[in-house]
Amino acid sequence: MNDSKEYLDFFDQMYNDPSKHSGYSTNSNLRFESRADALDVKNMLIEKSANAKYYDFSVEYINPNKSMQVGWYITVKKIEKKIQPRPKTNSENQKQQPKK
């Protein structure tokens, strides 16, 4: 795609801070006439954007209301941080072992 740098610049500017985004976003600047073009740009964003690691991407055909145009859109979904259980300390492990 000729405009791939423009899409990358747009994405990096718009999605540089995951804390500013709700869970799910479809943006008209990431709209395409063909599924192949949308997939090419999606894959390029995943490969080249440092911010892509904070998001999941999908390509969807949308036939929306009057506020958006019909077409293929890259939908961006913020990855929610999974709460990792805190590793047990040595003293906690000893407390849980059965006494002999």
C-alpha atoms as a PDB file:
ATOM      1  CA  MET A   1       0.000   0.000   0.000  1.00  0.00           C
ATOM      2  CA  ASN A   2       1.254   3.459  -0.854  1.00  0.00           C
ATOM      3  CA  ASP A   3      -0.210   5.051   2.278  1.00  0.00           C
ATOM      4  CA  SER A   4       1.210   2.589   4.800  1.00  0.00           C
ATOM      5  CA  LYS A   5       3.440   5.215   6.458  1.00  0.00           C
ATOM      6  CA  GLU A   6       0.424   7.509   6.835  1.00  0.00           C
ATOM      7  CA  TYR A   7      -1.564   4.731   8.527  1.00  0.00           C
ATOM      8  CA  LEU A   8       1.368   3.940  10.802  1.00  0.00           C
ATOM      9  CA  ASP A   9       1.802   7.618  11.735  1.00  0.00           C
ATOM     10  CA  PHE A  10      -1.934   7.970  12.384  1.00  0.00           C
ATOM     11  CA  PHE A  11      -2.055   4.854  14.546  1.00  0.00           C
ATOM     12  CA  ASP A  12       1.045   5.791  16.541  1.00  0.00           C
ATOM     13  CA  GLN A  13      -0.323   9.270  17.195  1.00  0.00           C
ATOM     14  CA  MET A  14      -3.891   8.214  17.973  1.00  0.00           C
ATOM     15  CA  TYR A  15      -3.157   5.087  20.029  1.00  0.00           C
ATOM     16  CA  ASN A  16       0.114   6.016  21.754  1.00  0.00           C
ATOM     17  CA  ASP A  17      -1.447   5.964  25.240  1.00  0.00           C
ATOM     18  CA  PRO A  18      -3.661   2.931  25.956  1.00  0.00           C
ATOM     19  CA  SER A  19      -4.968   4.530  29.153  1.00  0.00           C
ATOM     20  CA  LYS A  20      -6.807   7.124  27.043  1.00  0.00           C
ATOM     21  CA  HIS A  21      -8.865   4.505  25.215  1.00  0.00           C
ATOM     22  CA  SER A  22     -11.908   2.571  26.198  1.00  0.00           C
ATOM     23  CA  GLY A  23     -11.975  -1.085  25.323  1.00  0.00           C
ATOM     24  CA  TYR A  24     -13.051  -0.923  21.684  1.00  0.00           C
ATOM     25  CA  SER A  25     -12.549   1.505  18.785  1.00  0.00           C
ATOM     26  CA  THR A  26     -13.522   1.705  15.131  1.00  0.00           C
ATOM     27  CA  ASN A  27     -12.093   4.773  13.420  1.00  0.00           C
ATOM     28  CA  SER A  28     -13.059   6.083   9.979  1.00  0.00           C
ATOM     29  CA  ASN A  29      -9.363   6.763   9.264  1.00  0.00           C
ATOM     30  CA  LEU A  30      -8.873   2.994   9.287  1.00  0.00           C
ATOM     31  CA  ARG A  31     -11.556   2.312   6.648  1.00  0.00           C
ATOM     32  CA  PHE A  32     -10.812   0.469   3.403  1.00  0.00           C
ATOM     33  CA  GLU A  33     -12.599  -0.455   0.201  1.00  0.00           C
ATOM     34  CA  SER A  34     -11.273  -4.015   0.237  1.00  0.00           C
ATOM     35  CA  ARG A  35     -10.638  -6.627   2.882  1.00  0.00           C
ATOM     36  CA  ALA A  36      -7.181  -7.298   1.421  1.00  0.00           C
ATOM     37  CA  ASP A  37      -6.133  -3.662   1.917  1.00  0.00           C
ATOM     38  CA  ALA A  38      -7.432  -3.665   5.495  1.00  0.00           C
ATOM     39  CA  LEU A  39      -5.563  -6.899   6.278  1.00  0.00           C
ATOM     40  CA  ASP A  40      -2.338  -5.530   4.749  1.00  0.00           C
ATOM     41  CA  VAL A  41      -2.488  -2.410   6.908  1.00  0.00           C
ATOM     42  CA  LYS A  42      -3.492  -4.388  10.018  1.00  0.00           C
ATOM     43  CA  ASN A  43      -0.493  -6.691   9.604  1.00  0.00           C
ATOM     44  CA  MET A  44       1.823  -3.743   8.940  1.00  0.00           C
ATOM     45  CA  LEU A  45       0.628  -2.000  12.129  1.00  0.00           C
ATOM     46  CA  ILE A  46       1.213  -5.159  14.171  1.00  0.00           C
ATOM     47  CA  GLU A  47       4.732  -5.529  12.757  1.00  0.00           C
ATOM     48  CA  LYS A  48       5.907  -1.914  12.805  1.00  0.00           C
ATOM     49  CA  SER A  49       4.118  -0.060  15.588  1.00  0.00           C
ATOM     50  CA  ALA A  50       5.577  -0.177  19.076  1.00  0.00           C
ATOM     51  CA  ASN A  51       2.073   0.615  20.386  1.00  0.00           C
ATOM     52  CA  ALA A  52       0.438  -2.413  18.729  1.00  0.00           C
ATOM     53  CA  LYS A  53       1.365  -4.671  21.658  1.00  0.00           C
ATOM     54  CA  TYR A  54      -1.322  -2.938  23.745  1.00  0.00           C
ATOM     55  CA  TYR A  55      -4.137  -3.790  21.318  1.00  0.00           C
ATOM     56  CA  ASP A  56      -5.893  -6.628  19.509  1.00  0.00           C
ATOM     57  CA  PHE A  57      -6.875  -5.974  15.901  1.00  0.00           C
ATOM     58  CA  SER A  58      -9.655  -7.331  13.735  1.00  0.00           C
ATOM     59  CA  VAL A  59     -10.922  -6.533  10.256  1.00  0.00           C
ATOM     60  CA  GLU A  60     -14.687  -6.206   9.961  1.00  0.00           C
ATOM     61  CA  TYR A  61     -17.123  -5.247   7.245  1.00  0.00           C
ATOM     62  CA  ILE A  62     -19.386  -2.564   8.637  1.00  0.00           C
ATOM     63  CA  ASN A  63     -22.602  -1.301   7.111  1.00  0.00           C
ATOM     64  CA  PRO A  64     -23.329   1.355   9.714  1.00  0.00           C
ATOM     65  CA  ASN A  65     -25.768   4.169  10.121  1.00  0.00           C
ATOM     66  CA  LYS A  66     -25.299   7.578   8.492  1.00  0.00           C
ATOM     67  CA  SER A  67     -22.393   8.564  10.740  1.00  0.00           C
ATOM     68  CA  MET A  68     -19.905   6.233   8.999  1.00  0.00           C
ATOM     69  CA  GLN A  69     -19.352   4.900   5.505  1.00  0.00           C
ATOM     70  CA  VAL A  70     -19.868   1.303   4.471  1.00  0.00           C
ATOM     71  CA  GLY A  71     -16.569  -0.536   4.187  1.00  0.00           C
ATOM     72  CA  TRP A  72     -13.865  -2.652   5.754  1.00  0.00           C
ATOM     73  CA  TYR A  73     -12.587  -1.295   9.052  1.00  0.00           C
ATOM     74  CA  ILE A  74      -9.702  -2.182  11.301  1.00  0.00           C
ATOM     75  CA  THR A  75     -11.198  -2.441  14.762  1.00  0.00           C
ATOM     76  CA  VAL A  76      -8.804  -1.793  17.619  1.00  0.00           C
ATOM     77  CA  LYS A  77      -9.461  -3.345  21.018  1.00  0.00           C
ATOM     78  CA  LYS A  78      -7.364  -2.479  24.048  1.00  0.00           C
ATOM     79  CA  ILE A  79      -5.853  -5.513  25.730  1.00  0.00           C
ATOM     80  CA  GLU A  80      -6.912  -5.546  29.342  1.00  0.00           C
ATOM     81  CA  LYS A  81      -4.113  -6.303  31.746  1.00  0.00           C
ATOM     82  CA  LYS A  82      -4.593  -9.688  33.311  1.00  0.00           C
ATOM     83  CA  ILE A  83      -4.118  -9.601  37.040  1.00  0.00           C
ATOM     84  CA  GLN A  84      -1.352 -12.020  37.832  1.00  0.00           C
ATOM     85  CA  PRO A  85      -1.497 -13.666  41.232  1.00  0.00           C
ATOM     86  CA  ARG A  86       1.360 -12.576  43.437  1.00  0.00           C
ATOM     87  CA  PRO A  87       3.940 -15.342  43.796  1.00  0.00           C
ATOM     88  CA  LYS A  88       3.995 -16.809  47.280  1.00  0.00           C
ATOM     89  CA  THR A  89       6.957 -16.024  49.446  1.00  0.00           C
ATOM     90  CA  ASN A  90       8.995 -18.754  51.072  1.00  0.00           C
ATOM     91  CA  SER A  91       7.369 -18.205  54.468  1.00  0.00           C
ATOM     92  CA  GLU A  92       3.870 -18.472  52.941  1.00  0.00           C
ATOM     93  CA  ASN A  93       4.814 -21.736  51.246  1.00  0.00           C
ATOM     94  CA  GLN A  94       6.076 -23.170  54.534  1.00  0.00           C
ATOM     95  CA  LYS A  95       2.830 -22.254  56.307  1.00  0.00           C
ATOM     96  CA  GLN A  96       0.775 -24.189  53.762  1.00  0.00           C
ATOM     97  CA  GLN A  97       2.774 -27.402  53.913  1.00  0.00           C
ATOM     98  CA  PRO A  98       1.109 -30.083  56.029  1.00  0.00           C
ATOM     99  CA  LYS A  99       2.805 -30.762  59.333  1.00  0.00           C
ATOM    100  CA  LYS A 100       4.306 -34.210  59.784  1.00  0.00           C
END
